[in-house]
Amino acid sequence: MSINKKVRELVYAKFDGKCGYCGNHIEYKDMQVDHIQPQRSMGTDGIDNLMPACRLCNHYKRGNSLHQFRHWLLGGLIERIRKLYIIRVAERYGMVEFHEWDKHFYYEHFQK
């Protein structure tokens, strides 16, 4: 189902034009509307279940739940990246630096 323009504008305004997951700014034309709880898991088209998402986050989350996105896909990301030999070389020479993630999405920092 297509999300109408008024709903898209409300979703975009939720976080002032930032992706609800990573917090990076997105242009309105580039914003993708993500269902926090996927439709296949009985997620609705209600504004509370819709999140502004950048293309990268929406692609990576796909139809996964937030739990799956947070823990299974992002939770071990650094370890998976470090398995690549060239990354370990780049890290050793100071070309790449990793920072631990607090495992909170951008939107969660506003819910406290």
Foldseek 3Di string as FASTA:
>chain_A
DDDDPVLLVVQCPPLVQAFQFARHHDDSVQWDWDQQQAVVNVTDPDSVRIHTHGPVLCVQCPNHHLCCCLCVRPVCVVVVVVVDPVVVVCVVVVNDDDDDDPSDGNNVVVVD
